[in-house]
C-alpha atoms as a PDB file:
ATOM      1  CA  MET A   1      38.903  75.813 106.400  1.00  0.00           C
ATOM      2  CA  ALA A   2      38.728  78.029 103.336  1.00  0.00           C
ATOM      3  CA  ASN A   3      39.620  81.098 105.439  1.00  0.00           C
ATOM      4  CA  THR A   4      42.664  79.303 106.858  1.00  0.00           C
ATOM      5  CA  VAL A   5      43.915  78.371 103.375  1.00  0.00           C
ATOM      6  CA  LEU A   6      43.319  81.960 102.201  1.00  0.00           C
ATOM      7  CA  LYS A   7      45.275  83.393 105.151  1.00  0.00           C
ATOM      8  CA  GLU A   8      48.187  81.016 104.525  1.00  0.00           C
ATOM      9  CA  SER A   9      48.176  82.000 100.849  1.00  0.00           C
ATOM     10  CA  ASN A  10      48.209  85.711 101.738  1.00  0.00           C
ATOM     11  CA  GLN A  11      51.073  85.166 104.195  1.00  0.00           C
ATOM     12  CA  GLN A  12      53.100  83.297 101.554  1.00  0.00           C
ATOM     13  CA  THR A  13      52.425  86.057  99.029  1.00  0.00           C
ATOM     14  CA  LYS A  14      53.545  88.734 101.502  1.00  0.00           C
ATOM     15  CA  SER A  15      56.649  86.711 102.384  1.00  0.00           C
ATOM     16  CA  THR A  16      57.515  86.285  98.690  1.00  0.00           C
ATOM     17  CA  THR A  17      56.957  89.999  98.062  1.00  0.00           C
ATOM     18  CA  THR A  18      59.164  90.947 101.024  1.00  0.00           C
ATOM     19  CA  LYS A  19      61.943  88.625  99.845  1.00  0.00           C
ATOM     20  CA  SER A  20      61.777  89.985  96.307  1.00  0.00           C
ATOM     21  CA  ARG A  21      61.944  93.553  97.605  1.00  0.00           C
ATOM     22  CA  LEU A  22      64.943  92.733  99.796  1.00  0.00           C
ATOM     23  CA  SER A  23      66.633  90.972  96.872  1.00  0.00           C
ATOM     24  CA  TRP A  24      66.029  94.005  94.655  1.00  0.00           C
ATOM     25  CA  LEU A  25      67.308  96.347  97.378  1.00  0.00           C
ATOM     26  CA  TRP A  26      70.497  94.297  97.796  1.00  0.00           C
ATOM     27  CA  ALA A  27      71.029  93.960  94.049  1.00  0.00           C
ATOM     28  CA  GLU A  28      70.672  97.697  93.416  1.00  0.00           C
ATOM     29  CA  TYR A  29      72.243  99.186  96.543  1.00  0.00           C
ATOM     30  CA  SER A  30      74.531  96.469  97.943  1.00  0.00           C
ATOM     31  CA  VAL A  31      77.665  98.590  97.525  1.00  0.00           C
ATOM     32  CA  ILE A  32      76.073 101.513  99.398  1.00  0.00           C
ATOM     33  CA  ILE A  33      74.926  99.182 102.181  1.00  0.00           C
ATOM     34  CA  ALA A  34      78.421  97.674 102.369  1.00  0.00           C
ATOM     35  CA  PHE A  35      79.927 101.188 102.458  1.00  0.00           C
ATOM     36  CA  LEU A  36      77.686 102.224 105.360  1.00  0.00           C
ATOM     37  CA  ILE A  37      78.496  99.051 107.316  1.00  0.00           C
ATOM     38  CA  ILE A  38      82.253  99.492 106.820  1.00  0.00           C
ATOM     39  CA  PHE A  39      82.039 103.222 107.620  1.00  0.00           C
ATOM     40  CA  ILE A  40      80.192 102.567 110.890  1.00  0.00           C
ATOM     41  CA  ALA A  41      82.578  99.741 111.801  1.00  0.00           C
ATOM     42  CA  ALA A  42      85.596 101.992 111.167  1.00  0.00           C
ATOM     43  CA  ALA A  43      84.094 104.742 113.321  1.00  0.00           C
ATOM     44  CA  MET A  44      83.576 102.256 116.167  1.00  0.00           C
ATOM     45  CA  ILE A  45      87.065 100.780 115.884  1.00  0.00           C
ATOM     46  CA  SER A  46      88.942 104.091 115.896  1.00  0.00           C
ATOM     47  CA  PRO A  47      87.704 107.460 117.225  1.00  0.00           C
ATOM     48  CA  ARG A  48      90.240 109.200 114.956  1.00  0.00           C
ATOM     49  CA  PHE A  49      88.458 107.883 111.869  1.00  0.00           C
ATOM     50  CA  LEU A  50      85.664 110.487 112.003  1.00  0.00           C
ATOM     51  CA  ASP A  51      88.066 113.411 112.245  1.00  0.00           C
ATOM     52  CA  ILE A  52      87.392 115.762 109.311  1.00  0.00           C
ATOM     53  CA  ASN A  53      91.081 115.859 108.387  1.00  0.00           C
ATOM     54  CA  ASN A  54      91.155 112.069 108.248  1.00  0.00           C
ATOM     55  CA  GLN A  55      88.051 112.006 106.036  1.00  0.00           C
ATOM     56  CA  LEU A  56      89.609 114.501 103.639  1.00  0.00           C
ATOM     57  CA  ASN A  57      92.829 112.503 103.721  1.00  0.00           C
ATOM     58  CA  ILE A  58      90.914 109.391 102.584  1.00  0.00           C
ATOM     59  CA  LEU A  59      89.339 111.315  99.698  1.00  0.00           C
ATOM     60  CA  MET A  60      92.739 112.728  98.755  1.00  0.00           C
ATOM     61  CA  GLN A  61      94.350 109.284  98.764  1.00  0.00           C
ATOM     62  CA  VAL A  62      91.676 107.717  96.555  1.00  0.00           C
ATOM     63  CA  SER A  63      91.347 110.609  94.095  1.00  0.00           C
ATOM     64  CA  ILE A  64      93.995 109.350  91.641  1.00  0.00           C
ATOM     65  CA  ILE A  65      92.888 105.700  91.713  1.00  0.00           C
ATOM     66  CA  GLY A  66      89.289 106.910  91.588  1.00  0.00           C
ATOM     67  CA  ILE A  67      89.844 108.746  88.300  1.00  0.00           C
ATOM     68  CA  VAL A  68      91.626 105.706  86.831  1.00  0.00           C
ATOM     69  CA  ALA A  69      88.775 103.474  88.060  1.00  0.00           C
ATOM     70  CA  LEU A  70      86.217 105.608  86.215  1.00  0.00           C
ATOM     71  CA  GLY A  71      87.947 104.793  82.936  1.00  0.00           C
ATOM     72  CA  MET A  72      88.215 101.137  83.947  1.00  0.00           C
ATOM     73  CA  THR A  73      84.460 101.129  84.617  1.00  0.00           C
ATOM     74  CA  VAL A  74      83.687 102.223  81.051  1.00  0.00           C
ATOM     75  CA  VAL A  75      86.059  99.582  79.641  1.00  0.00           C
ATOM     76  CA  MET A  76      84.624  96.783  81.774  1.00  0.00           C
ATOM     77  CA  LEU A  77      81.041  97.810  80.990  1.00  0.00           C
ATOM     78  CA  SER A  78      81.920  97.277  77.318  1.00  0.00           C
ATOM     79  CA  GLY A  79      83.059  93.749  78.123  1.00  0.00           C
ATOM     80  CA  GLY A  80      86.813  94.468  78.088  1.00  0.00           C
ATOM     81  CA  ILE A  81      89.591  95.132  80.559  1.00  0.00           C
ATOM     82  CA  ASP A  82      92.597  97.474  80.626  1.00  0.00           C
ATOM     83  CA  LEU A  83      95.750  96.203  82.324  1.00  0.00           C
ATOM     84  CA  SER A  84      97.907  99.058  81.021  1.00  0.00           C
ATOM     85  CA  VAL A  85      96.573 101.926  83.177  1.00  0.00           C
ATOM     86  CA  GLY A  86      99.457 101.949  85.679  1.00  0.00           C
ATOM     87  CA  SER A  87     102.213 101.819  83.069  1.00  0.00           C
ATOM     88  CA  VAL A  88     100.479 104.395  80.863  1.00  0.00           C
ATOM     89  CA  LEU A  89     100.192 106.693  83.887  1.00  0.00           C
ATOM     90  CA  ALA A  90     103.959 106.491  84.446  1.00  0.00           C
ATOM     91  CA  PHE A  91     104.647 107.042  80.738  1.00  0.00           C
ATOM     92  CA  VAL A  92     102.280 110.022  80.585  1.00  0.00           C
ATOM     93  CA  GLY A  93     103.883 111.458  83.717  1.00  0.00           C
ATOM     94  CA  VAL A  94     107.376 111.256  82.213  1.00  0.00           C
ATOM     95  CA  MET A  95     106.234 112.874  78.965  1.00  0.00           C
ATOM     96  CA  THR A  96     104.401 115.596  80.910  1.00  0.00           C
ATOM     97  CA  VAL A  97     107.507 116.584  82.876  1.00  0.00           C
ATOM     98  CA  LEU A  98     109.670 116.556  79.743  1.00  0.00           C
ATOM     99  CA  ALA A  99     107.168 118.790  77.921  1.00  0.00           C
ATOM    100  CA  LEU A 100     106.962 121.062  80.965  1.00  0.00           C
ATOM    101  CA  ASN A 101     110.718 121.499  81.201  1.00  0.00           C
ATOM    102  CA  ALA A 102     111.212 121.901  77.442  1.00  0.00           C
ATOM    103  CA  SER A 103     108.455 124.465  76.904  1.00  0.00           C
ATOM    104  CA  GLY A 104     108.288 126.158  80.295  1.00  0.00           C
ATOM    105  CA  SER A 105     104.501 126.138  79.893  1.00  0.00           C
ATOM    106  CA  ILE A 106     102.086 124.380  82.225  1.00  0.00           C
ATOM    107  CA  LEU A 107      99.386 124.447  79.529  1.00  0.00           C
ATOM    108  CA  VAL A 108     101.668 122.688  77.027  1.00  0.00           C
ATOM    109  CA  ALA A 109     102.483 120.054  79.663  1.00  0.00           C
ATOM    110  CA  ILE A 110      98.785 119.414  80.363  1.00  0.00           C
ATOM    111  CA  LEU A 111      97.913 119.204  76.663  1.00  0.00           C
ATOM    112  CA  THR A 112     100.824 116.814  76.130  1.00  0.00           C
ATOM    113  CA  ALA A 113      99.580 114.598  78.941  1.00  0.00           C
ATOM    114  CA  LEU A 114      96.034 114.508  77.586  1.00  0.00           C
ATOM    115  CA  PHE A 115      97.258 113.701  74.067  1.00  0.00           C
ATOM    116  CA  VAL A 116      99.710 110.972  75.094  1.00  0.00           C
ATOM    117  CA  GLY A 117      97.226 109.211  77.369  1.00  0.00           C
ATOM    118  CA  SER A 118      94.380 109.420  74.862  1.00  0.00           C
ATOM    119  CA  PHE A 119      96.657 108.142  72.092  1.00  0.00           C
ATOM    120  CA  ALA A 120      97.782 105.183  74.218  1.00  0.00           C
ATOM    121  CA  GLY A 121      94.126 104.394  74.881  1.00  0.00           C
ATOM    122  CA  PHE A 122      93.355 104.788  71.186  1.00  0.00           C
ATOM    123  CA  LEU A 123      96.078 102.247  70.345  1.00  0.00           C
ATOM    124  CA  ASN A 124      94.518  99.827  72.837  1.00  0.00           C
ATOM    125  CA  GLY A 125      91.144 100.352  71.184  1.00  0.00           C
ATOM    126  CA  LEU A 126      92.674  99.890  67.733  1.00  0.00           C
ATOM    127  CA  MET A 127      94.183  96.543  68.700  1.00  0.00           C
ATOM    128  CA  VAL A 128      90.914  95.367  70.251  1.00  0.00           C
ATOM    129  CA  ALA A 129      88.493  96.751  67.625  1.00  0.00           C
ATOM    130  CA  LYS A 130      90.445  96.414  64.382  1.00  0.00           C
ATOM    131  CA  GLY A 131      93.078  93.842  65.297  1.00  0.00           C
ATOM    132  CA  LYS A 132      90.478  91.601  66.983  1.00  0.00           C
ATOM    133  CA  ILE A 133      92.956  90.987  69.806  1.00  0.00           C
ATOM    134  CA  ALA A 134      91.484  90.096  73.202  1.00  0.00           C
ATOM    135  CA  SER A 135      91.540  93.158  75.463  1.00  0.00           C
ATOM    136  CA  PHE A 136      93.501  91.232  78.096  1.00  0.00           C
ATOM    137  CA  ILE A 137      96.326  90.505  75.643  1.00  0.00           C
ATOM    138  CA  ALA A 138      96.270  93.899  73.909  1.00  0.00           C
ATOM    139  CA  THR A 139      96.465  95.904  77.127  1.00  0.00           C
ATOM    140  CA  LEU A 140      99.014  93.491  78.602  1.00  0.00           C
ATOM    141  CA  GLY A 141     101.243  94.329  75.653  1.00  0.00           C
ATOM    142  CA  MET A 142     100.633  98.041  76.154  1.00  0.00           C
ATOM    143  CA  MET A 143     101.450  97.665  79.852  1.00  0.00           C
ATOM    144  CA  ALA A 144     104.880  96.256  79.042  1.00  0.00           C
ATOM    145  CA  ALA A 145     105.548  98.707  76.210  1.00  0.00           C
ATOM    146  CA  ALA A 146     104.526 101.871  78.067  1.00  0.00           C
ATOM    147  CA  ARG A 147     106.570 101.000  81.147  1.00  0.00           C
ATOM    148  CA  SER A 148     109.578 100.094  79.029  1.00  0.00           C
ATOM    149  CA  ILE A 149     109.479 103.400  77.097  1.00  0.00           C
ATOM    150  CA  ALA A 150     109.086 105.361  80.332  1.00  0.00           C
ATOM    151  CA  LEU A 151     112.096 103.584  81.841  1.00  0.00           C
ATOM    152  CA  TYR A 152     114.167 104.193  78.701  1.00  0.00           C
ATOM    153  CA  ILE A 153     113.355 107.915  78.528  1.00  0.00           C
ATOM    154  CA  ALA A 154     114.012 108.472  82.234  1.00  0.00           C
ATOM    155  CA  ASP A 155     117.030 106.153  82.378  1.00  0.00           C
ATOM    156  CA  GLY A 156     115.189 104.001  84.887  1.00  0.00           C
ATOM    157  CA  GLY A 157     114.886 106.821  87.405  1.00  0.00           C
ATOM    158  CA  SER A 158     112.717 109.835  88.152  1.00  0.00           C
ATOM    159  CA  VAL A 159     112.252 113.116  86.295  1.00  0.00           C
ATOM    160  CA  SER A 160     111.434 116.358  88.086  1.00  0.00           C
ATOM    161  CA  GLY A 161     109.647 119.493  86.965  1.00  0.00           C
ATOM    162  CA  GLU A 162     111.578 122.759  86.688  1.00  0.00           C
ATOM    163  CA  VAL A 163     108.650 125.167  86.300  1.00  0.00           C
ATOM    164  CA  SER A 164     107.213 126.808  89.387  1.00  0.00           C
ATOM    165  CA  GLY A 165     103.457 126.722  89.611  1.00  0.00           C
ATOM    166  CA  PHE A 166     102.963 123.206  88.268  1.00  0.00           C
ATOM    167  CA  THR A 167     102.676 121.802  91.797  1.00  0.00           C
ATOM    168  CA  ALA A 168      99.697 124.084  92.453  1.00  0.00           C
ATOM    169  CA  ILE A 169      97.455 121.698  90.473  1.00  0.00           C
ATOM    170  CA  ALA A 170      97.567 119.003  93.158  1.00  0.00           C
ATOM    171  CA  ASN A 171      98.581 121.037  96.197  1.00  0.00           C
ATOM    172  CA  SER A 172      96.041 123.862  96.192  1.00  0.00           C
ATOM    173  CA  ASP A 173      92.588 123.855  97.732  1.00  0.00           C
ATOM    174  CA  ILE A 174      89.240 125.584  97.896  1.00  0.00           C
ATOM    175  CA  GLY A 175      88.540 126.066 101.579  1.00  0.00           C
ATOM    176  CA  ILE A 176      89.532 122.769 103.166  1.00  0.00           C
ATOM    177  CA  VAL A 177      88.961 120.656 100.028  1.00  0.00           C
ATOM    178  CA  ASP A 178      92.014 119.916  97.877  1.00  0.00           C
ATOM    179  CA  TYR A 179      91.909 120.258  94.096  1.00  0.00           C
ATOM    180  CA  PRO A 180      92.414 116.502  93.421  1.00  0.00           C
ATOM    181  CA  ILE A 181      89.236 115.722  95.382  1.00  0.00           C
ATOM    182  CA  ILE A 182      87.291 118.308  93.412  1.00  0.00           C
ATOM    183  CA  ILE A 183      88.691 117.029  90.100  1.00  0.00           C
ATOM    184  CA  PHE A 184      87.783 113.452  91.062  1.00  0.00           C
ATOM    185  CA  LEU A 185      84.183 114.407  91.907  1.00  0.00           C
ATOM    186  CA  ILE A 186      83.836 116.436  88.696  1.00  0.00           C
ATOM    187  CA  MET A 187      85.181 113.546  86.621  1.00  0.00           C
ATOM    188  CA  THR A 188      82.749 111.185  88.365  1.00  0.00           C
ATOM    189  CA  MET A 189      79.826 113.447  87.519  1.00  0.00           C
ATOM    190  CA  LEU A 190      80.903 113.824  83.881  1.00  0.00           C
ATOM    191  CA  VAL A 191      81.418 110.079  83.358  1.00  0.00           C
ATOM    192  CA  TYR A 192      78.076 109.400  85.073  1.00  0.00           C
ATOM    193  CA  LEU A 193      76.301 111.753  82.677  1.00  0.00           C
ATOM    194  CA  LEU A 194      78.134 110.234  79.715  1.00  0.00           C
ATOM    195  CA  MET A 195      77.256 106.662  80.618  1.00  0.00           C
ATOM    196  CA  HIS A 196      73.696 107.145  81.820  1.00  0.00           C
ATOM    197  CA  LYS A 197      72.399 110.109  79.839  1.00  0.00           C
ATOM    198  CA  THR A 198      73.911 109.807  76.339  1.00  0.00           C
ATOM    199  CA  ARG A 199      73.653 107.534  73.317  1.00  0.00           C
ATOM    200  CA  PHE A 200      77.315 106.574  73.678  1.00  0.00           C
ATOM    201  CA  GLY A 201      76.627 105.223  77.166  1.00  0.00           C
ATOM    202  CA  ARG A 202      73.693 103.141  75.920  1.00  0.00           C
ATOM    203  CA  TYR A 203      75.881 101.744  73.154  1.00  0.00           C
ATOM    204  CA  VAL A 204      78.570 100.748  75.667  1.00  0.00           C
ATOM    205  CA  TYR A 205      76.020  98.868  77.779  1.00  0.00           C
ATOM    206  CA  ALA A 206      74.603  97.206  74.653  1.00  0.00           C
ATOM    207  CA  LEU A 207      78.100  96.186  73.542  1.00  0.00           C
ATOM    208  CA  GLY A 208      78.897  94.683  76.939  1.00  0.00           C
ATOM    209  CA  SER A 209      75.594  92.815  77.125  1.00  0.00           C
ATOM    210  CA  ASN A 210      75.735  91.224  73.667  1.00  0.00           C
ATOM    211  CA  GLU A 211      78.197  92.319  71.005  1.00  0.00           C
ATOM    212  CA  LYS A 212      76.502  90.362  68.215  1.00  0.00           C
ATOM    213  CA  ALA A 213      73.133  91.884  69.062  1.00  0.00           C
ATOM    214  CA  ALA A 214      74.746  95.331  69.101  1.00  0.00           C
ATOM    215  CA  LEU A 215      76.125  94.716  65.598  1.00  0.00           C
ATOM    216  CA  LEU A 216      72.709  93.600  64.355  1.00  0.00           C
ATOM    217  CA  SER A 217      71.240  96.773  65.883  1.00  0.00           C
ATOM    218  CA  ALA A 218      73.431  98.866  63.550  1.00  0.00           C
ATOM    219  CA  ILE A 219      75.686 100.030  66.379  1.00  0.00           C
ATOM    220  CA  ARG A 220      79.189 100.790  65.096  1.00  0.00           C
ATOM    221  CA  VAL A 221      80.906  98.528  67.565  1.00  0.00           C
ATOM    222  CA  ASP A 222      84.449  99.339  66.401  1.00  0.00           C
ATOM    223  CA  ARG A 223      83.927 103.067  66.928  1.00  0.00           C
ATOM    224  CA  VAL A 224      82.428 102.483  70.361  1.00  0.00           C
ATOM    225  CA  LYS A 225      85.454 100.382  71.370  1.00  0.00           C
ATOM    226  CA  LEU A 226      87.841 103.058  70.123  1.00  0.00           C
ATOM    227  CA  GLY A 227      85.919 105.651  72.133  1.00  0.00           C
ATOM    228  CA  VAL A 228      85.884 103.483  75.255  1.00  0.00           C
ATOM    229  CA  TYR A 229      89.647 102.873  75.355  1.00  0.00           C
ATOM    230  CA  SER A 230      90.484 106.448  74.313  1.00  0.00           C
ATOM    231  CA  LEU A 231      88.310 107.755  77.167  1.00  0.00           C
ATOM    232  CA  ALA A 232      90.071 105.409  79.601  1.00  0.00           C
ATOM    233  CA  GLY A 233      93.429 106.747  78.395  1.00  0.00           C
ATOM    234  CA  LEU A 234      92.222 110.335  78.783  1.00  0.00           C
ATOM    235  CA  LEU A 235      91.195 109.707  82.386  1.00  0.00           C
ATOM    236  CA  VAL A 236      94.572 108.081  83.076  1.00  0.00           C
ATOM    237  CA  SER A 237      96.132 111.311  81.754  1.00  0.00           C
ATOM    238  CA  VAL A 238      94.162 113.370  84.261  1.00  0.00           C
ATOM    239  CA  ALA A 239      95.331 111.065  87.062  1.00  0.00           C
ATOM    240  CA  ALA A 240      98.925 111.307  85.804  1.00  0.00           C
ATOM    241  CA  ILE A 241      98.802 115.115  85.855  1.00  0.00           C
ATOM    242  CA  ILE A 242      97.659 115.059  89.491  1.00  0.00           C
ATOM    243  CA  GLU A 243     100.246 112.498  90.573  1.00  0.00           C
ATOM    244  CA  THR A 244     103.085 114.306  88.798  1.00  0.00           C
ATOM    245  CA  SER A 245     102.011 117.664  90.173  1.00  0.00           C
ATOM    246  CA  ARG A 246     101.743 116.394  93.747  1.00  0.00           C
ATOM    247  CA  LEU A 247     105.501 115.766  94.085  1.00  0.00           C
ATOM    248  CA  ASN A 248     106.629 117.729  91.005  1.00  0.00           C
ATOM    249  CA  SER A 249     108.220 114.490  89.782  1.00  0.00           C
ATOM    250  CA  ILE A 250     107.403 111.048  88.461  1.00  0.00           C
ATOM    251  CA  SER A 251     109.200 107.721  88.881  1.00  0.00           C
ATOM    252  CA  SER A 252     109.429 105.650  85.718  1.00  0.00           C
ATOM    253  CA  SER A 253     109.850 102.459  87.741  1.00  0.00           C
ATOM    254  CA  SER A 254     107.388 102.732  90.646  1.00  0.00           C
ATOM    255  CA  SER A 255     104.707 105.268  89.696  1.00  0.00           C
ATOM    256  CA  GLY A 256     101.423 103.628  88.763  1.00  0.00           C
ATOM    257  CA  MET A 257     102.591 100.235  89.981  1.00  0.00           C
ATOM    258  CA  ALA A 258      99.607  97.893  90.629  1.00  0.00           C
ATOM    259  CA  TYR A 259      97.121 100.684  89.895  1.00  0.00           C
ATOM    260  CA  GLU A 260      95.298  98.299  87.575  1.00  0.00           C
ATOM    261  CA  LEU A 261      94.640  96.002  90.563  1.00  0.00           C
ATOM    262  CA  ASP A 262      93.210  98.851  92.657  1.00  0.00           C
ATOM    263  CA  ALA A 263      91.080 100.127  89.768  1.00  0.00           C
ATOM    264  CA  ILE A 264      89.695  96.685  88.931  1.00  0.00           C
ATOM    265  CA  ALA A 265      89.001  96.026  92.614  1.00  0.00           C
ATOM    266  CA  ALA A 266      87.071  99.291  92.950  1.00  0.00           C
ATOM    267  CA  VAL A 267      85.031  98.597  89.808  1.00  0.00           C
ATOM    268  CA  ILE A 268      84.134  95.030  90.824  1.00  0.00           C
ATOM    269  CA  ILE A 269      83.272  96.070  94.381  1.00  0.00           C
ATOM    270  CA  GLY A 270      81.065  98.740  92.821  1.00  0.00           C
ATOM    271  CA  GLY A 271      78.982  96.035  91.146  1.00  0.00           C
ATOM    272  CA  THR A 272      80.235  96.096  87.550  1.00  0.00           C
ATOM    273  CA  ARG A 273      80.319  92.615  86.071  1.00  0.00           C
ATOM    274  CA  MET A 274      83.543  91.257  84.605  1.00  0.00           C
ATOM    275  CA  THR A 275      81.585  90.159  81.534  1.00  0.00           C
ATOM    276  CA  GLY A 276      80.258  93.686  80.938  1.00  0.00           C
ATOM    277  CA  GLY A 277      76.819  95.125  80.316  1.00  0.00           C
ATOM    278  CA  ARG A 278      75.900  95.713  83.938  1.00  0.00           C
ATOM    279  CA  GLY A 279      77.189  98.210  86.474  1.00  0.00           C
ATOM    280  CA  LYS A 280      77.027 101.837  87.536  1.00  0.00           C
ATOM    281  CA  VAL A 281      79.492 104.694  87.775  1.00  0.00           C
ATOM    282  CA  ILE A 282      78.137 105.583  91.220  1.00  0.00           C
ATOM    283  CA  GLY A 283      78.914 102.021  92.281  1.00  0.00           C
ATOM    284  CA  THR A 284      82.547 102.575  91.314  1.00  0.00           C
ATOM    285  CA  LEU A 285      82.598 105.761  93.411  1.00  0.00           C
ATOM    286  CA  PHE A 286      81.518 103.816  96.485  1.00  0.00           C
ATOM    287  CA  GLY A 287      83.883 100.966  95.590  1.00  0.00           C
ATOM    288  CA  VAL A 288      86.790 103.418  95.606  1.00  0.00           C
ATOM    289  CA  LEU A 289      85.642 104.850  98.934  1.00  0.00           C
ATOM    290  CA  ILE A 290      85.385 101.369 100.457  1.00  0.00           C
ATOM    291  CA  LEU A 291      88.975 100.615  99.440  1.00  0.00           C
ATOM    292  CA  GLY A 292      90.065 103.976 100.864  1.00  0.00           C
ATOM    293  CA  ILE A 293      88.338 103.336 104.188  1.00  0.00           C
ATOM    294  CA  LEU A 294      89.806  99.826 104.463  1.00  0.00           C
ATOM    295  CA  ASN A 295      93.329 101.139 103.804  1.00  0.00           C
ATOM    296  CA  ASN A 296      92.777 103.913 106.329  1.00  0.00           C
ATOM    297  CA  MET A 297      91.456 101.461 108.930  1.00  0.00           C
ATOM    298  CA  MET A 298      94.512  99.227 108.528  1.00  0.00           C
ATOM    299  CA  ASN A 299      96.823 102.231 108.891  1.00  0.00           C
ATOM    300  CA  LEU A 300      95.038 103.423 112.027  1.00  0.00           C
ATOM    301  CA  MET A 301      95.243  99.900 113.468  1.00  0.00           C
ATOM    302  CA  ASN A 302      98.969  99.670 112.575  1.00  0.00           C
ATOM    303  CA  VAL A 303      98.398  96.693 110.287  1.00  0.00           C
ATOM    304  CA  SER A 304     101.377  95.941 108.057  1.00  0.00           C
ATOM    305  CA  PRO A 305     101.069  97.659 104.661  1.00  0.00           C
ATOM    306  CA  HIS A 306     102.243  94.402 103.077  1.00  0.00           C
ATOM    307  CA  LEU A 307      98.881  92.854 103.973  1.00  0.00           C
ATOM    308  CA  GLN A 308      96.834  95.461 102.124  1.00  0.00           C
ATOM    309  CA  GLY A 309      97.254  93.660  98.810  1.00  0.00           C
ATOM    310  CA  PHE A 310      95.949  90.482 100.438  1.00  0.00           C
ATOM    311  CA  VAL A 311      92.840  92.329 101.648  1.00  0.00           C
ATOM    312  CA  LYS A 312      92.186  93.797  98.181  1.00  0.00           C
ATOM    313  CA  GLY A 313      92.573  90.400  96.549  1.00  0.00           C
ATOM    314  CA  LEU A 314      90.208  88.839  99.071  1.00  0.00           C
ATOM    315  CA  ILE A 315      87.632  91.581  98.465  1.00  0.00           C
ATOM    316  CA  ILE A 316      87.772  90.998  94.687  1.00  0.00           C
ATOM    317  CA  ILE A 317      87.131  87.275  95.164  1.00  0.00           C
ATOM    318  CA  VAL A 318      84.225  87.872  97.571  1.00  0.00           C
ATOM    319  CA  ALA A 319      82.683  90.461  95.230  1.00  0.00           C
ATOM    320  CA  VAL A 320      82.872  88.098  92.243  1.00  0.00           C
ATOM    321  CA  VAL A 321      81.332  85.278  94.331  1.00  0.00           C
ATOM    322  CA  PHE A 322      78.382  87.526  95.205  1.00  0.00           C
ATOM    323  CA  GLN A 323      77.987  88.453  91.535  1.00  0.00           C
ATOM    324  CA  LYS A 324      77.887  84.758  90.616  1.00  0.00           C
ATOM    325  CA  ARG A 325      75.167  84.141  93.207  1.00  0.00           C
ATOM    326  CA  GLU A 326      73.057  86.922  91.702  1.00  0.00           C
END
């Protein structure tokens, strides 16, 4: 009788251990598991999916949103959100082309883009950190302002570059890999190192987990917030340079439209909590890839592009539901 009870106890212990291991595996690597499932499903649905040119095309398509999503990840880890990324991208693009045409220098255009984007992010951080305005409201205001200024400067239309060589930034390659893909992967690596290997990254996580506790721990919360939003603006600038270079023009009305939705979707799918303090940069990378594969699948299956927004919205809801269950 005692042996039977002991065996049942051991079996229950093993079952509990197995469940806890599976729960840990899902919690830590759910986005990678989801990516593998979707990748395999896409390969089974369409033989063209595995073609190397199609794979590179997916990476190329997600490179701009991916860079924007990296900045969004840092903001959301701090407990905030940035709704202005799409409008700031259009504004930075317009200013980049104007600087390019006025100076005739690609370097001046790039420096202008980096300054304008970082400054827009800094203003967001200033409103959130010093003005004590909720990030949702502050960046909503910046979204309207940046788009309005871009429309005013460009007279509601597009502006085109007049300097040869600027298009090489987004239309050149190393072997079969285009520059935007390489830039995206480099930015991912740099943001990963920043968030997981530096004091600034630890402060961002602490801020997102508990702002009051961060203050009591002598963390300069205001400075961290300024750094977070400035970094997000800088990454938007990099994305704007690529997008402007790709077509040698930028549209003040349509460029960057709904990019905030794509970036937020990628970050949430990647496992970053809306409330901040938990998430990984690598998760965002796989979240971006999942969105890219889903878009590619729908294109290969001739699904109406008007339904893609519905799919993204549905994915956001499902991802948040899973986060709540955790």
